[in-house]
C-alpha cells in the first residue's frame, strides 16, 4: 500500500484532511445569449434585483451548487432568471480577477449561445427585475450596449495574442457605467470570439 512522505496511506490522509483549513472560492456561471440582428448582434441582459450592483445590468447567472456541474448551473440559472431553456451553451472562458465580486473570492465560468430572439419567450424572474435585449458594438476599445432607451458604455484595454490553440483575448476594464461586476470584460471576450467565427455561424 502506497504511503506519502509522512507515512500516510490515501485513506489516512483523507481522514485527516480538513477543507476548511484552505481558502476556497465560490463558483458561478454567467450566460451570454446573443441574437443576430440587421447590424450585428443583440445581447440579453437582466437588471439586478438585489445587492450587490442593485439596479445595474448584468448577464444572467448565479452560483453553482455543490451537487451540480457548472455547465448544469448555467442552464439552470438561465432558466430561472429568463425562462429560456433548451439551448446549447458553449464555454467562453474562466474569469477570476481578484476583486471582481465584492462578496469575496468568486470565480465565474462564462457560457454563450446564439439564437433568434423571435423564437424565445424571455421573462425576467428570480433575482432579475427586468430582462432586455441590447445591441452590441465594440470598436476602438469602446463597448456600447443600447436598447434604444438606455445606453451602457465601457472603455476597455484589449490585447489579442495568437496561440497554437487560437486567439487569446486579454481585456482590462478602464471605465464603465451601468454594467455589473466585470461583465463588460466577459461580454467583450465573447463578442470577439463570436465575430472571429462569424462566417461559420449558422442560426
N, C-alpha and C. Protein backbone atom coordinates (compact mmCIF):
# COMPACT_ATOMS: atom_id res chain seq x y z
N UNK A 1 0.85 -1.19 0.00
CA UNK A 1 0.00 0.00 0.00
C UNK A 1 0.89 1.24 0.00
N UNK A 2 0.58 2.17 -0.90
CA UNK A 2 1.42 3.35 -1.03
C UNK A 2 1.20 4.32 0.13
N UNK A 3 2.31 4.89 0.60
CA UNK A 3 2.25 5.91 1.64
C UNK A 3 3.01 7.14 1.17
N UNK A 4 2.63 8.30 1.70
CA UNK A 4 3.30 9.54 1.31
C UNK A 4 4.51 9.77 2.21
N UNK A 5 5.13 10.95 2.09
CA UNK A 5 6.35 11.23 2.84
C UNK A 5 6.11 11.30 4.34
N UNK A 6 4.85 11.42 4.74
CA UNK A 6 4.51 11.41 6.17
C UNK A 6 4.09 10.03 6.66
N UNK A 7 4.19 9.05 5.77
CA UNK A 7 3.85 7.68 6.14
C UNK A 7 2.36 7.40 6.13
N UNK A 8 1.57 8.24 5.47
CA UNK A 8 0.12 8.09 5.47
C UNK A 8 -0.35 7.43 4.18
N UNK A 9 -1.31 6.52 4.33
CA UNK A 9 -2.00 5.99 3.16
C UNK A 9 -2.99 7.04 2.68
N UNK A 10 -3.55 6.80 1.51
CA UNK A 10 -4.52 7.78 0.99
C UNK A 10 -5.73 7.90 1.91
N UNK A 11 -6.24 6.79 2.41
CA UNK A 11 -7.41 6.84 3.29
C UNK A 11 -7.07 7.58 4.59
N UNK A 12 -5.85 7.39 5.11
CA UNK A 12 -5.44 8.10 6.33
C UNK A 12 -5.29 9.60 6.05
N UNK A 13 -4.72 9.92 4.89
CA UNK A 13 -4.58 11.33 4.52
C UNK A 13 -5.93 12.01 4.42
N UNK A 14 -6.89 11.35 3.75
CA UNK A 14 -8.21 11.94 3.57
C UNK A 14 -8.95 12.07 4.90
N UNK A 15 -8.72 11.13 5.81
CA UNK A 15 -9.38 11.21 7.12
C UNK A 15 -8.91 12.42 7.91
N UNK A 16 -7.66 12.84 7.69
CA UNK A 16 -7.11 13.98 8.40
C UNK A 16 -7.30 15.31 7.66
N UNK A 17 -7.65 15.23 6.38
CA UNK A 17 -7.75 16.43 5.56
C UNK A 17 -8.94 17.27 6.00
N UNK A 18 -8.74 18.57 6.17
CA UNK A 18 -9.79 19.50 6.57
C UNK A 18 -9.91 20.59 5.51
N UNK A 19 -10.92 20.52 4.64
CA UNK A 19 -11.04 21.52 3.58
C UNK A 19 -11.11 22.95 4.11
N UNK A 20 -11.68 23.11 5.29
CA UNK A 20 -11.81 24.45 5.85
C UNK A 20 -10.50 25.10 6.23
N UNK A 21 -9.41 24.33 6.20
CA UNK A 21 -8.09 24.89 6.51
C UNK A 21 -7.55 25.73 5.35
N UNK A 22 -8.20 25.65 4.18
CA UNK A 22 -7.68 26.32 2.99
C UNK A 22 -8.76 27.24 2.43
N UNK A 23 -8.38 28.44 1.98
CA UNK A 23 -9.38 29.33 1.37
C UNK A 23 -9.92 28.72 0.08
N UNK A 24 -11.23 28.83 -0.09
CA UNK A 24 -11.87 28.26 -1.28
C UNK A 24 -12.76 29.30 -1.93
N UNK A 25 -12.73 29.36 -3.26
CA UNK A 25 -13.60 30.32 -3.95
C UNK A 25 -15.01 29.78 -4.09
N UNK A 26 -15.95 30.71 -4.26
CA UNK A 26 -17.27 30.34 -4.76
C UNK A 26 -17.19 30.33 -6.29
N UNK A 27 -18.07 29.54 -6.91
CA UNK A 27 -18.04 29.40 -8.36
C UNK A 27 -19.42 29.77 -8.92
N UNK A 28 -19.41 30.61 -9.93
CA UNK A 28 -20.65 30.99 -10.59
C UNK A 28 -20.59 30.67 -12.08
N UNK A 29 -21.76 30.72 -12.71
CA UNK A 29 -21.87 30.62 -14.16
C UNK A 29 -22.57 31.87 -14.66
N UNK A 30 -22.05 32.46 -15.73
CA UNK A 30 -22.68 33.61 -16.38
C UNK A 30 -22.95 33.25 -17.83
N UNK A 31 -24.10 33.71 -18.34
CA UNK A 31 -24.55 33.26 -19.65
C UNK A 31 -24.75 34.45 -20.58
N UNK A 32 -24.15 34.36 -21.77
CA UNK A 32 -24.33 35.36 -22.82
C UNK A 32 -25.23 34.77 -23.88
N UNK A 33 -26.40 35.37 -24.04
CA UNK A 33 -27.35 34.91 -25.06
C UNK A 33 -27.42 35.98 -26.15
N UNK A 34 -26.84 35.65 -27.31
CA UNK A 34 -26.80 36.57 -28.44
C UNK A 34 -27.90 36.23 -29.43
N UNK A 35 -28.41 37.27 -30.09
CA UNK A 35 -29.36 37.09 -31.18
C UNK A 35 -28.90 37.95 -32.35
N UNK A 36 -28.86 37.41 -33.57
CA UNK A 36 -28.44 38.22 -34.71
C UNK A 36 -29.48 39.28 -35.04
N UNK A 37 -29.02 40.46 -35.45
CA UNK A 37 -29.92 41.48 -35.96
C UNK A 37 -29.34 42.02 -37.26
N UNK A 38 -29.97 43.04 -37.81
CA UNK A 38 -29.56 43.53 -39.13
C UNK A 38 -28.19 44.19 -39.11
N UNK A 39 -27.70 44.55 -37.94
CA UNK A 39 -26.42 45.27 -37.84
C UNK A 39 -25.51 44.61 -36.81
N UNK A 40 -25.48 43.30 -36.77
CA UNK A 40 -24.61 42.59 -35.84
C UNK A 40 -25.37 41.68 -34.90
N UNK A 41 -25.27 41.98 -33.60
CA UNK A 41 -25.88 41.10 -32.60
C UNK A 41 -26.51 41.92 -31.48
N UNK A 42 -27.54 41.32 -30.88
CA UNK A 42 -28.10 41.81 -29.65
C UNK A 42 -27.75 40.83 -28.54
N UNK A 43 -27.73 41.32 -27.30
CA UNK A 43 -27.37 40.52 -26.15
C UNK A 43 -28.44 40.69 -25.08
N UNK A 44 -28.85 39.58 -24.47
CA UNK A 44 -29.85 39.63 -23.42
C UNK A 44 -29.18 39.95 -22.08
N UNK A 45 -29.64 41.02 -21.42
CA UNK A 45 -29.16 41.39 -20.10
C UNK A 45 -30.32 41.44 -19.14
N UNK A 46 -30.03 41.21 -17.85
CA UNK A 46 -31.04 41.32 -16.81
C UNK A 46 -30.66 42.46 -15.87
N UNK A 47 -31.69 43.12 -15.33
CA UNK A 47 -31.43 44.16 -14.33
C UNK A 47 -31.44 43.50 -12.96
N UNK A 48 -30.35 43.69 -12.20
CA UNK A 48 -30.22 43.02 -10.92
C UNK A 48 -31.23 43.55 -9.91
N UNK A 49 -31.91 42.60 -9.25
CA UNK A 49 -32.92 42.96 -8.28
C UNK A 49 -32.44 42.97 -6.85
N UNK A 50 -31.16 42.67 -6.63
CA UNK A 50 -30.62 42.65 -5.27
C UNK A 50 -29.17 43.10 -5.25
N UNK A 51 -28.66 43.29 -4.03
CA UNK A 51 -27.25 43.63 -3.86
C UNK A 51 -26.39 42.40 -4.13
N UNK A 52 -25.13 42.60 -4.58
CA UNK A 52 -24.51 43.87 -4.98
C UNK A 52 -24.93 44.28 -6.39
N UNK A 53 -24.56 45.49 -6.76
CA UNK A 53 -24.88 46.04 -8.09
C UNK A 53 -26.38 46.14 -8.31
N UNK A 54 -27.12 46.45 -7.27
CA UNK A 54 -28.57 46.59 -7.37
C UNK A 54 -28.94 47.59 -8.45
N UNK A 55 -29.85 47.21 -9.33
CA UNK A 55 -30.33 48.09 -10.39
C UNK A 55 -29.44 48.16 -11.62
N UNK A 56 -28.28 47.52 -11.59
CA UNK A 56 -27.38 47.56 -12.74
C UNK A 56 -27.70 46.40 -13.68
N UNK A 57 -27.24 46.52 -14.91
CA UNK A 57 -27.47 45.48 -15.91
C UNK A 57 -26.35 44.44 -15.85
N UNK A 58 -26.73 43.19 -15.99
CA UNK A 58 -25.79 42.08 -15.81
C UNK A 58 -26.16 40.93 -16.74
N UNK A 59 -25.25 40.00 -16.85
CA UNK A 59 -25.54 38.75 -17.54
C UNK A 59 -26.37 37.86 -16.63
N UNK A 60 -27.29 37.07 -17.17
CA UNK A 60 -27.96 36.08 -16.34
C UNK A 60 -26.92 35.12 -15.77
N UNK A 61 -27.13 34.70 -14.54
CA UNK A 61 -26.18 33.77 -13.95
C UNK A 61 -26.34 33.67 -12.46
N UNK A 62 -25.51 32.85 -11.84
CA UNK A 62 -25.57 32.67 -10.40
C UNK A 62 -24.63 31.58 -9.94
N UNK A 63 -24.74 31.24 -8.66
CA UNK A 63 -23.82 30.32 -8.03
C UNK A 63 -24.13 28.87 -8.39
N UNK A 64 -23.07 28.11 -8.60
CA UNK A 64 -23.20 26.67 -8.81
C UNK A 64 -23.38 25.98 -7.47
N UNK A 65 -24.24 24.97 -7.45
CA UNK A 65 -24.46 24.18 -6.25
C UNK A 65 -23.43 23.05 -6.17
N UNK A 66 -23.15 22.57 -4.95
CA UNK A 66 -22.15 21.50 -4.80
C UNK A 66 -22.50 20.20 -5.53
N UNK A 67 -23.80 19.99 -5.80
CA UNK A 67 -24.23 18.73 -6.40
C UNK A 67 -24.48 18.84 -7.90
N UNK A 68 -23.93 19.89 -8.56
CA UNK A 68 -24.13 20.04 -10.00
C UNK A 68 -22.84 20.53 -10.65
N UNK A 69 -22.72 20.26 -11.93
CA UNK A 69 -21.61 20.81 -12.68
C UNK A 69 -21.88 22.29 -12.96
N UNK A 70 -20.83 23.02 -13.31
CA UNK A 70 -21.02 24.43 -13.66
C UNK A 70 -21.83 24.53 -14.95
N UNK A 71 -21.67 23.56 -15.86
CA UNK A 71 -22.49 23.52 -17.07
C UNK A 71 -23.97 23.46 -16.70
N UNK A 72 -24.30 22.59 -15.76
CA UNK A 72 -25.70 22.45 -15.33
C UNK A 72 -26.18 23.72 -14.63
N UNK A 73 -25.30 24.34 -13.86
CA UNK A 73 -25.66 25.59 -13.19
C UNK A 73 -26.00 26.68 -14.20
N UNK A 74 -25.25 26.73 -15.30
CA UNK A 74 -25.51 27.74 -16.33
C UNK A 74 -26.90 27.56 -16.92
N UNK A 75 -27.25 26.33 -17.28
CA UNK A 75 -28.56 26.06 -17.85
C UNK A 75 -29.67 26.37 -16.83
N UNK A 76 -29.45 26.00 -15.58
CA UNK A 76 -30.44 26.25 -14.53
C UNK A 76 -30.64 27.74 -14.30
N UNK A 77 -29.55 28.49 -14.18
CA UNK A 77 -29.66 29.92 -13.92
C UNK A 77 -30.32 30.66 -15.08
N UNK A 78 -30.01 30.26 -16.31
CA UNK A 78 -30.65 30.89 -17.46
C UNK A 78 -32.16 30.66 -17.42
N UNK A 79 -32.56 29.46 -17.08
CA UNK A 79 -33.98 29.14 -16.98
C UNK A 79 -34.65 29.92 -15.85
N UNK A 80 -34.00 29.95 -14.68
CA UNK A 80 -34.60 30.60 -13.52
C UNK A 80 -34.75 32.11 -13.71
N UNK A 81 -33.79 32.74 -14.37
CA UNK A 81 -33.81 34.19 -14.48
C UNK A 81 -34.48 34.73 -15.74
N UNK A 82 -34.57 33.89 -16.79
CA UNK A 82 -35.12 34.39 -18.05
C UNK A 82 -36.18 33.48 -18.67
N UNK A 83 -36.38 32.28 -18.11
CA UNK A 83 -37.32 31.29 -18.64
C UNK A 83 -36.91 30.77 -20.02
N UNK A 84 -35.63 30.89 -20.35
CA UNK A 84 -35.10 30.34 -21.60
C UNK A 84 -34.43 29.01 -21.29
N UNK A 85 -34.74 27.99 -22.09
CA UNK A 85 -34.13 26.68 -21.87
C UNK A 85 -33.95 25.96 -23.21
N UNK A 86 -33.20 24.87 -23.16
CA UNK A 86 -33.04 24.03 -24.33
C UNK A 86 -31.97 24.47 -25.31
N UNK A 87 -31.18 25.48 -24.96
CA UNK A 87 -30.13 25.96 -25.86
C UNK A 87 -28.81 25.26 -25.56
N UNK A 88 -27.99 25.11 -26.58
CA UNK A 88 -26.64 24.59 -26.40
C UNK A 88 -25.73 25.73 -25.95
N UNK A 89 -25.17 25.60 -24.76
CA UNK A 89 -24.31 26.64 -24.21
C UNK A 89 -22.85 26.27 -24.43
N UNK A 90 -22.12 27.13 -25.12
CA UNK A 90 -20.71 26.89 -25.41
C UNK A 90 -19.84 27.62 -24.40
N UNK A 91 -18.79 26.98 -23.88
CA UNK A 91 -17.91 27.65 -22.92
C UNK A 91 -17.13 28.78 -23.56
N UNK A 92 -17.07 29.92 -22.87
CA UNK A 92 -16.35 31.09 -23.35
C UNK A 92 -15.02 31.26 -22.62
N UNK A 93 -15.02 31.02 -21.31
CA UNK A 93 -13.78 31.16 -20.56
C UNK A 93 -14.03 31.30 -19.08
N UNK A 94 -12.94 31.21 -18.33
CA UNK A 94 -12.96 31.35 -16.88
C UNK A 94 -12.46 32.74 -16.53
N UNK A 95 -13.16 33.42 -15.63
CA UNK A 95 -12.82 34.78 -15.24
C UNK A 95 -12.61 34.82 -13.73
N UNK A 96 -11.41 35.23 -13.32
CA UNK A 96 -11.03 35.08 -11.91
C UNK A 96 -10.22 36.25 -11.37
N UNK A 97 -10.39 37.44 -11.96
CA UNK A 97 -9.64 38.61 -11.46
C UNK A 97 -9.95 38.83 -9.98
N UNK A 98 -8.91 39.01 -9.16
CA UNK A 98 -9.15 39.33 -7.75
C UNK A 98 -10.02 40.59 -7.62
N UNK A 99 -11.01 40.54 -6.75
CA UNK A 99 -11.87 41.68 -6.52
C UNK A 99 -12.99 41.84 -7.53
N UNK A 100 -13.18 40.87 -8.42
CA UNK A 100 -14.22 41.01 -9.45
C UNK A 100 -15.63 40.98 -8.85
N UNK A 101 -15.77 40.46 -7.65
CA UNK A 101 -17.06 40.40 -6.98
C UNK A 101 -16.88 40.89 -5.55
N UNK A 102 -17.63 41.92 -5.11
CA UNK A 102 -17.43 42.46 -3.76
C UNK A 102 -17.81 41.51 -2.64
N UNK A 103 -18.49 40.40 -2.96
CA UNK A 103 -18.89 39.45 -1.93
C UNK A 103 -17.74 38.57 -1.47
N UNK A 104 -16.63 38.59 -2.21
CA UNK A 104 -15.49 37.77 -1.82
C UNK A 104 -14.84 37.12 -3.02
N UNK A 105 -14.16 36.01 -2.76
CA UNK A 105 -13.43 35.30 -3.82
C UNK A 105 -14.42 34.49 -4.65
N UNK A 106 -14.78 35.03 -5.79
CA UNK A 106 -15.76 34.40 -6.67
C UNK A 106 -15.16 34.32 -8.07
N UNK A 107 -15.09 33.13 -8.60
CA UNK A 107 -14.67 32.94 -9.99
C UNK A 107 -15.88 32.51 -10.80
N UNK A 108 -15.90 32.87 -12.06
CA UNK A 108 -17.04 32.52 -12.89
C UNK A 108 -16.60 31.87 -14.19
N UNK A 109 -17.43 30.97 -14.66
CA UNK A 109 -17.24 30.39 -15.99
C UNK A 109 -18.37 30.92 -16.86
N UNK A 110 -17.99 31.53 -17.98
CA UNK A 110 -18.97 32.13 -18.89
C UNK A 110 -19.31 31.17 -20.02
N UNK A 111 -20.58 31.19 -20.38
CA UNK A 111 -21.10 30.36 -21.47
C UNK A 111 -21.87 31.26 -22.43
N UNK A 112 -21.98 30.84 -23.69
CA UNK A 112 -22.71 31.65 -24.66
C UNK A 112 -23.54 30.76 -25.57
N UNK A 113 -24.62 31.35 -26.06
CA UNK A 113 -25.47 30.69 -27.06
C UNK A 113 -25.91 31.74 -28.07
N UNK A 114 -26.20 31.27 -29.26
CA UNK A 114 -26.69 32.14 -30.33
C UNK A 114 -28.04 31.61 -30.76
N UNK A 115 -29.07 32.46 -30.70
CA UNK A 115 -30.42 32.05 -31.06
C UNK A 115 -31.18 33.25 -31.59
N UNK A 116 -32.23 32.99 -32.33
CA UNK A 116 -33.10 34.04 -32.84
C UNK A 116 -34.06 34.44 -31.72
N UNK A 117 -33.99 35.68 -31.29
CA UNK A 117 -34.81 36.14 -30.17
C UNK A 117 -36.30 35.96 -30.43
N UNK A 118 -36.70 35.92 -31.70
CA UNK A 118 -38.12 35.76 -32.04
C UNK A 118 -38.64 34.39 -31.66
N UNK A 119 -37.74 33.44 -31.46
CA UNK A 119 -38.16 32.09 -31.09
C UNK A 119 -38.15 31.88 -29.58
N UNK A 120 -37.74 32.90 -28.83
CA UNK A 120 -37.60 32.77 -27.39
C UNK A 120 -38.71 33.55 -26.68
N UNK A 121 -39.09 33.06 -25.52
CA UNK A 121 -40.11 33.72 -24.71
C UNK A 121 -39.46 34.14 -23.40
N UNK A 122 -38.77 35.28 -23.45
CA UNK A 122 -38.00 35.75 -22.30
C UNK A 122 -38.92 36.41 -21.28
N UNK A 123 -38.72 36.05 -20.03
CA UNK A 123 -39.44 36.69 -18.94
C UNK A 123 -38.53 36.75 -17.73
N UNK A 124 -38.30 37.95 -17.18
CA UNK A 124 -37.43 38.10 -16.02
C UNK A 124 -38.06 37.46 -14.80
N UNK A 125 -37.21 36.78 -14.00
CA UNK A 125 -37.71 36.10 -12.81
C UNK A 125 -36.56 35.94 -11.83
N UNK A 126 -36.84 35.36 -10.66
CA UNK A 126 -35.86 35.06 -9.63
C UNK A 126 -35.14 36.35 -9.21
N UNK A 127 -33.81 36.43 -9.41
CA UNK A 127 -33.05 37.61 -8.98
C UNK A 127 -33.12 38.77 -9.98
N UNK A 128 -33.80 38.58 -11.11
CA UNK A 128 -33.83 39.59 -12.16
C UNK A 128 -35.10 40.42 -12.07
N UNK A 129 -34.96 41.76 -12.07
CA UNK A 129 -36.10 42.66 -12.07
C UNK A 129 -36.63 42.93 -13.47
N UNK A 130 -35.75 42.78 -14.46
CA UNK A 130 -36.13 43.07 -15.85
C UNK A 130 -35.17 42.32 -16.76
N UNK A 131 -35.58 42.10 -17.98
CA UNK A 131 -34.72 41.47 -18.98
C UNK A 131 -34.95 42.18 -20.30
N UNK A 132 -33.85 42.63 -20.93
CA UNK A 132 -33.96 43.36 -22.20
C UNK A 132 -32.84 42.94 -23.14
N UNK A 133 -33.10 43.18 -24.44
CA UNK A 133 -32.11 42.94 -25.48
C UNK A 133 -31.38 44.25 -25.79
N UNK A 134 -30.05 44.19 -25.76
CA UNK A 134 -29.22 45.35 -26.05
C UNK A 134 -28.39 45.07 -27.31
N UNK A 135 -28.38 46.04 -28.22
CA UNK A 135 -27.49 45.94 -29.38
C UNK A 135 -26.05 46.12 -28.91
N UNK A 136 -25.15 45.31 -29.44
CA UNK A 136 -23.75 45.31 -29.02
C UNK A 136 -22.88 45.89 -30.12
N UNK A 137 -21.99 46.80 -29.73
CA UNK A 137 -20.95 47.25 -30.65
C UNK A 137 -19.64 47.37 -29.88
N UNK A 138 -18.56 47.07 -30.57
CA UNK A 138 -17.23 47.14 -29.95
C UNK A 138 -16.26 47.65 -31.00
N UNK A 139 -15.72 48.84 -30.77
CA UNK A 139 -14.77 49.43 -31.71
C UNK A 139 -13.82 50.34 -30.96
N UNK A 140 -12.55 50.24 -31.32
CA UNK A 140 -11.52 51.09 -30.72
C UNK A 140 -11.52 51.02 -29.20
N UNK A 141 -11.78 49.83 -28.67
CA UNK A 141 -11.75 49.63 -27.23
C UNK A 141 -12.97 50.14 -26.49
N UNK A 142 -14.01 50.54 -27.21
CA UNK A 142 -15.22 51.04 -26.57
C UNK A 142 -16.36 50.05 -26.80
N UNK A 143 -16.88 49.52 -25.71
CA UNK A 143 -18.04 48.62 -25.77
C UNK A 143 -19.29 49.45 -25.52
N UNK A 144 -20.26 49.36 -26.44
CA UNK A 144 -21.52 50.08 -26.31
C UNK A 144 -22.66 49.08 -26.35
N UNK A 145 -23.58 49.23 -25.40
CA UNK A 145 -24.77 48.40 -25.34
C UNK A 145 -25.97 49.35 -25.28
N UNK A 146 -26.90 49.21 -26.21
CA UNK A 146 -28.06 50.10 -26.22
C UNK A 146 -29.32 49.33 -26.58
N UNK A 147 -30.42 49.69 -25.90
CA UNK A 147 -31.71 49.08 -26.21
C UNK A 147 -32.68 50.09 -26.80
N UNK A 148 -32.16 51.25 -27.20
CA UNK A 148 -32.98 52.29 -27.78
C UNK A 148 -33.39 53.36 -26.78
N UNK A 149 -33.42 52.99 -25.49
CA UNK A 149 -33.76 53.97 -24.46
C UNK A 149 -32.63 54.16 -23.46
N UNK A 150 -31.79 53.17 -23.34
CA UNK A 150 -30.69 53.23 -22.36
C UNK A 150 -29.40 52.78 -23.04
N UNK A 151 -28.30 53.48 -22.74
CA UNK A 151 -27.00 53.15 -23.32
C UNK A 151 -25.99 52.89 -22.21
N UNK A 152 -25.32 51.77 -22.32
CA UNK A 152 -24.27 51.39 -21.38
C UNK A 152 -22.95 51.44 -22.13
N UNK A 153 -21.90 51.89 -21.43
CA UNK A 153 -20.59 52.04 -22.09
C UNK A 153 -19.49 51.53 -21.16
N UNK A 154 -18.49 50.91 -21.78
CA UNK A 154 -17.28 50.53 -21.05
C UNK A 154 -16.08 50.81 -21.95
N UNK A 155 -15.06 51.43 -21.38
CA UNK A 155 -13.80 51.66 -22.08
C UNK A 155 -12.84 50.55 -21.67
N UNK A 156 -12.28 49.88 -22.65
CA UNK A 156 -11.52 48.66 -22.41
C UNK A 156 -10.11 48.74 -22.99
N UNK A 157 -9.21 48.01 -22.36
CA UNK A 157 -7.87 47.77 -22.90
C UNK A 157 -7.86 46.34 -23.42
N UNK A 158 -7.82 46.18 -24.74
CA UNK A 158 -7.95 44.87 -25.37
C UNK A 158 -6.64 44.48 -26.03
N UNK A 159 -6.15 43.30 -25.69
CA UNK A 159 -4.94 42.77 -26.31
C UNK A 159 -5.20 41.35 -26.77
N UNK A 160 -4.85 41.08 -28.01
CA UNK A 160 -5.09 39.76 -28.59
C UNK A 160 -3.75 39.12 -28.97
N UNK A 161 -3.61 37.86 -28.61
CA UNK A 161 -2.38 37.13 -28.89
C UNK A 161 -2.72 35.83 -29.60
N UNK A 162 -2.06 35.58 -30.72
CA UNK A 162 -2.26 34.34 -31.44
C UNK A 162 -1.49 33.22 -30.76
N UNK A 163 -2.16 32.12 -30.45
CA UNK A 163 -1.52 30.95 -29.85
C UNK A 163 -1.80 29.74 -30.72
N UNK A 164 -1.11 28.61 -30.48
CA UNK A 164 -1.41 27.40 -31.26
C UNK A 164 -2.84 26.91 -31.07
N UNK A 165 -3.51 27.40 -30.02
CA UNK A 165 -4.86 26.94 -29.71
C UNK A 165 -5.92 27.99 -30.02
N UNK A 166 -5.54 29.00 -30.78
CA UNK A 166 -6.48 30.06 -31.12
C UNK A 166 -6.04 31.39 -30.54
N UNK A 167 -6.88 32.38 -30.71
CA UNK A 167 -6.55 33.73 -30.23
C UNK A 167 -6.90 33.86 -28.76
N UNK A 168 -5.96 34.38 -27.99
CA UNK A 168 -6.19 34.69 -26.58
C UNK A 168 -6.59 36.16 -26.48
N UNK A 169 -7.70 36.42 -25.79
CA UNK A 169 -8.20 37.78 -25.61
C UNK A 169 -7.98 38.22 -24.17
N UNK A 170 -7.13 39.20 -23.97
CA UNK A 170 -6.91 39.78 -22.65
C UNK A 170 -7.57 41.16 -22.62
N UNK A 171 -8.54 41.31 -21.73
CA UNK A 171 -9.34 42.54 -21.68
C UNK A 171 -9.27 43.13 -20.28
N UNK A 172 -8.95 44.39 -20.20
CA UNK A 172 -8.99 45.13 -18.95
C UNK A 172 -10.04 46.22 -19.03
N UNK A 173 -10.75 46.44 -17.92
CA UNK A 173 -11.78 47.47 -17.88
C UNK A 173 -11.16 48.77 -17.36
N UNK A 174 -11.23 49.83 -18.16
CA UNK A 174 -10.70 51.13 -17.77
C UNK A 174 -11.77 51.97 -17.08
N UNK A 175 -12.97 51.95 -17.61
CA UNK A 175 -14.10 52.65 -17.01
C UNK A 175 -15.37 52.03 -17.53
N UNK A 176 -16.46 52.19 -16.77
CA UNK A 176 -17.74 51.62 -17.20
C UNK A 176 -18.87 52.30 -16.46
N UNK A 177 -20.07 52.17 -17.04
CA UNK A 177 -21.25 52.68 -16.36
C UNK A 177 -22.42 51.72 -16.57
N UNK A 178 -23.12 51.43 -15.51
CA UNK A 178 -24.36 50.66 -15.60
C UNK A 178 -24.20 49.17 -15.80
N UNK A 179 -22.98 48.66 -15.90
CA UNK A 179 -22.74 47.24 -16.15
C UNK A 179 -22.16 46.62 -14.88
N UNK A 180 -22.78 45.57 -14.38
CA UNK A 180 -22.40 44.98 -13.10
C UNK A 180 -21.09 44.20 -13.19
N UNK A 181 -20.43 44.12 -12.04
CA UNK A 181 -19.24 43.29 -11.87
C UNK A 181 -18.21 43.55 -12.98
N UNK A 182 -17.63 42.46 -13.51
CA UNK A 182 -16.69 42.58 -14.64
C UNK A 182 -17.36 42.12 -15.93
N UNK A 183 -18.68 42.26 -16.00
CA UNK A 183 -19.41 41.69 -17.14
C UNK A 183 -19.08 42.39 -18.45
N UNK A 184 -18.59 43.63 -18.40
CA UNK A 184 -18.14 44.28 -19.64
C UNK A 184 -16.98 43.50 -20.25
N UNK A 185 -16.09 43.01 -19.41
CA UNK A 185 -14.96 42.21 -19.88
C UNK A 185 -15.45 40.90 -20.50
N UNK A 186 -16.37 40.23 -19.80
CA UNK A 186 -16.89 38.95 -20.30
C UNK A 186 -17.60 39.15 -21.64
N UNK A 187 -18.40 40.21 -21.72
CA UNK A 187 -19.12 40.49 -22.96
C UNK A 187 -18.14 40.74 -24.11
N UNK A 188 -17.10 41.51 -23.85
CA UNK A 188 -16.13 41.81 -24.90
C UNK A 188 -15.44 40.55 -25.40
N UNK A 189 -15.02 39.68 -24.49
CA UNK A 189 -14.35 38.44 -24.89
C UNK A 189 -15.28 37.58 -25.74
N UNK A 190 -16.52 37.42 -25.30
CA UNK A 190 -17.47 36.60 -26.04
C UNK A 190 -17.78 37.20 -27.41
N UNK A 191 -17.93 38.51 -27.45
CA UNK A 191 -18.24 39.19 -28.71
C UNK A 191 -17.08 39.04 -29.70
N UNK A 192 -15.86 39.17 -29.21
CA UNK A 192 -14.69 39.00 -30.08
C UNK A 192 -14.61 37.57 -30.61
N UNK A 193 -14.90 36.60 -29.76
CA UNK A 193 -14.90 35.20 -30.21
C UNK A 193 -15.99 34.97 -31.25
N UNK A 194 -17.17 35.51 -31.00
CA UNK A 194 -18.28 35.33 -31.93
C UNK A 194 -17.97 35.95 -33.28
N UNK A 195 -17.43 37.15 -33.29
CA UNK A 195 -17.10 37.79 -34.56
C UNK A 195 -15.95 37.11 -35.27
N UNK A 196 -15.05 36.48 -34.51
CA UNK A 196 -13.95 35.76 -35.12
C UNK A 196 -14.42 34.53 -35.88
N UNK A 197 -15.60 34.02 -35.49
CA UNK A 197 -16.15 32.83 -36.15
C UNK A 197 -17.42 33.18 -36.95
N UNK A 198 -17.58 34.45 -37.25
CA UNK A 198 -18.84 34.92 -37.82
C UNK A 198 -19.21 34.20 -39.11
N UNK A 199 -18.22 33.89 -39.94
CA UNK A 199 -18.52 33.29 -41.23
C UNK A 199 -19.02 31.86 -41.10
N UNK A 200 -18.77 31.23 -39.95
CA UNK A 200 -19.18 29.84 -39.79
C UNK A 200 -20.42 29.70 -38.91
N UNK A 201 -20.96 30.82 -38.41
CA UNK A 201 -22.12 30.76 -37.54
C UNK A 201 -23.38 30.54 -38.37
N UNK A 202 -24.17 29.56 -37.96
CA UNK A 202 -25.43 29.27 -38.64
C UNK A 202 -26.53 29.21 -37.60
N UNK A 203 -27.46 30.15 -37.67
CA UNK A 203 -28.53 30.21 -36.67
C UNK A 203 -29.73 29.44 -37.17
